[in-house]
Amino acid sequence: MISKQDYDRFYVAKPDPGFSPDRNNAIVEGTIKKYEATVRRKQKEYANKVGERADAVATYLKSFSVGTPVEKYFGKRTLAYLRGQKILQKIKFIHGKRYVELVEL
């Protein structure tokens, strides 16, 4: 049901000469279908990403419980990259300039 406030605001007593209610309904329904398809696609992508992360964490924890060192699991290059990312997160931007507090590193 349309509220009186919306009815007064959006209802047009005399539509434009080329207005077709059937075409309008088709456009609205098509837009709703596209939106719902996009939502389903994004939910599926999200679920896949979460699943991949969960698998990675489970594999790491399983490897860790067996006693595999972190360096052997990730590899030297990846571990160095992750350490670099940690350092970059500590770099601060103040007034558009980078400042590093060496005490934190």
Protein backbone atom coordinates (compact mmCIF):
# COMPACT_ATOMS: atom_id res chain seq x y z
CA MET A 1 0.00 0.00 0.00
CA ILE A 2 1.29 3.44 -0.86
CA SER A 3 1.17 6.07 1.85
CA LYS A 4 -0.73 9.27 1.14
CA GLN A 5 2.47 11.30 1.45
CA ASP A 6 4.23 9.20 -1.22
CA TYR A 7 1.12 9.08 -3.39
CA ASP A 8 0.87 12.87 -3.43
CA ARG A 9 4.57 13.20 -4.07
CA PHE A 10 5.04 10.64 -6.85
CA TYR A 11 1.68 10.13 -8.53
CA VAL A 12 1.32 11.91 -11.85
CA ALA A 13 -2.27 12.36 -12.98
CA LYS A 14 -1.28 13.06 -16.60
CA PRO A 15 1.82 11.08 -17.58
CA ASP A 16 4.09 12.09 -20.44
CA PRO A 17 2.70 11.30 -23.90
CA GLY A 18 5.17 8.43 -24.52
CA PHE A 19 4.80 6.83 -21.08
CA SER A 20 3.99 3.12 -21.09
CA PRO A 21 3.05 1.46 -17.78
CA ASP A 22 3.96 -1.97 -19.17
CA ARG A 23 7.43 -0.81 -20.20
CA ASN A 24 7.86 0.90 -16.83
CA ASN A 25 6.96 -2.33 -15.00
CA ALA A 26 9.35 -4.31 -17.22
CA ILE A 27 12.20 -1.91 -16.42
CA VAL A 28 11.49 -2.08 -12.68
CA GLU A 29 11.32 -5.88 -12.72
CA GLY A 30 14.51 -6.08 -14.80
CA THR A 31 16.32 -3.79 -12.38
CA ILE A 32 15.18 -5.89 -9.41
CA LYS A 33 16.37 -9.10 -11.14
CA LYS A 34 19.79 -7.55 -11.89
CA TYR A 35 20.10 -6.38 -8.29
CA GLU A 36 19.19 -9.80 -6.89
CA ALA A 37 21.66 -11.50 -9.27
CA THR A 38 24.40 -9.10 -8.14
CA VAL A 39 23.63 -9.79 -4.48
CA ARG A 40 23.76 -13.56 -5.07
CA ARG A 41 27.07 -13.24 -6.97
CA LYS A 42 28.64 -11.10 -4.24
CA GLN A 43 27.45 -13.49 -1.51
CA LYS A 44 28.96 -16.42 -3.42
CA GLU A 45 32.28 -14.57 -3.89
CA TYR A 46 32.33 -13.68 -0.19
CA ALA A 47 31.62 -17.28 0.83
CA ASN A 48 34.43 -18.50 -1.43
CA LYS A 49 36.89 -16.00 0.05
CA VAL A 50 35.90 -16.95 3.60
CA GLY A 51 36.23 -20.62 2.71
CA GLU A 52 39.71 -20.09 1.27
CA ARG A 53 40.81 -18.21 4.38
CA ALA A 54 39.36 -20.87 6.66
CA ASP A 55 41.19 -23.58 4.71
CA ALA A 56 44.44 -21.63 4.91
CA VAL A 57 44.09 -21.12 8.66
CA ALA A 58 43.19 -24.77 9.21
CA THR A 59 46.18 -25.92 7.16
CA TYR A 60 48.49 -23.57 9.05
CA LEU A 61 47.20 -24.67 12.46
CA LYS A 62 47.50 -28.31 11.48
CA SER A 63 51.07 -27.71 10.30
CA PHE A 64 51.85 -25.72 13.45
CA SER A 65 50.51 -28.46 15.74
CA VAL A 66 52.78 -31.00 14.04
CA GLY A 67 55.76 -28.77 14.79
CA THR A 68 56.54 -27.27 11.38
CA PRO A 69 58.40 -23.97 11.84
CA VAL A 70 56.71 -20.82 10.57
CA GLU A 71 59.61 -20.14 8.19
CA LYS A 72 59.19 -23.54 6.58
CA TYR A 73 55.41 -23.20 6.27
CA PHE A 74 55.37 -19.73 4.70
CA GLY A 75 58.79 -19.69 3.07
CA LYS A 76 61.47 -17.05 3.57
CA ARG A 77 60.21 -14.72 0.87
CA THR A 78 56.57 -14.67 2.03
CA LEU A 79 57.58 -14.30 5.66
CA ALA A 80 59.83 -11.34 4.77
CA TYR A 81 56.93 -9.80 2.84
CA LEU A 82 54.59 -10.21 5.82
CA ARG A 83 57.15 -8.65 8.16
CA GLY A 84 57.52 -5.74 5.72
CA GLN A 85 53.75 -5.26 5.70
CA LYS A 86 53.76 -5.16 9.49
CA ILE A 87 56.44 -2.45 9.41
CA LEU A 88 54.53 -0.45 6.80
CA GLN A 89 51.44 -0.51 9.02
CA LYS A 90 53.46 1.20 11.73
CA ILE A 91 54.55 4.01 9.42
CA LYS A 92 52.46 7.04 10.27
CA PHE A 93 51.27 9.87 8.07
CA ILE A 94 51.24 13.27 9.73
CA HIS A 95 50.29 16.33 7.65
CA GLY A 96 50.84 14.36 4.47
CA LYS A 97 54.37 13.28 5.43
CA ARG A 98 55.55 9.88 6.58
CA TYR A 99 56.94 9.54 10.07
CA VAL A 100 58.40 6.33 11.49
CA GLU A 101 58.77 5.87 15.18
CA LEU A 102 61.76 3.54 15.44
CA VAL A 103 60.85 2.62 18.99
CA GLU A 104 57.74 0.83 17.71
CA LEU A 105 59.60 -1.13 15.03
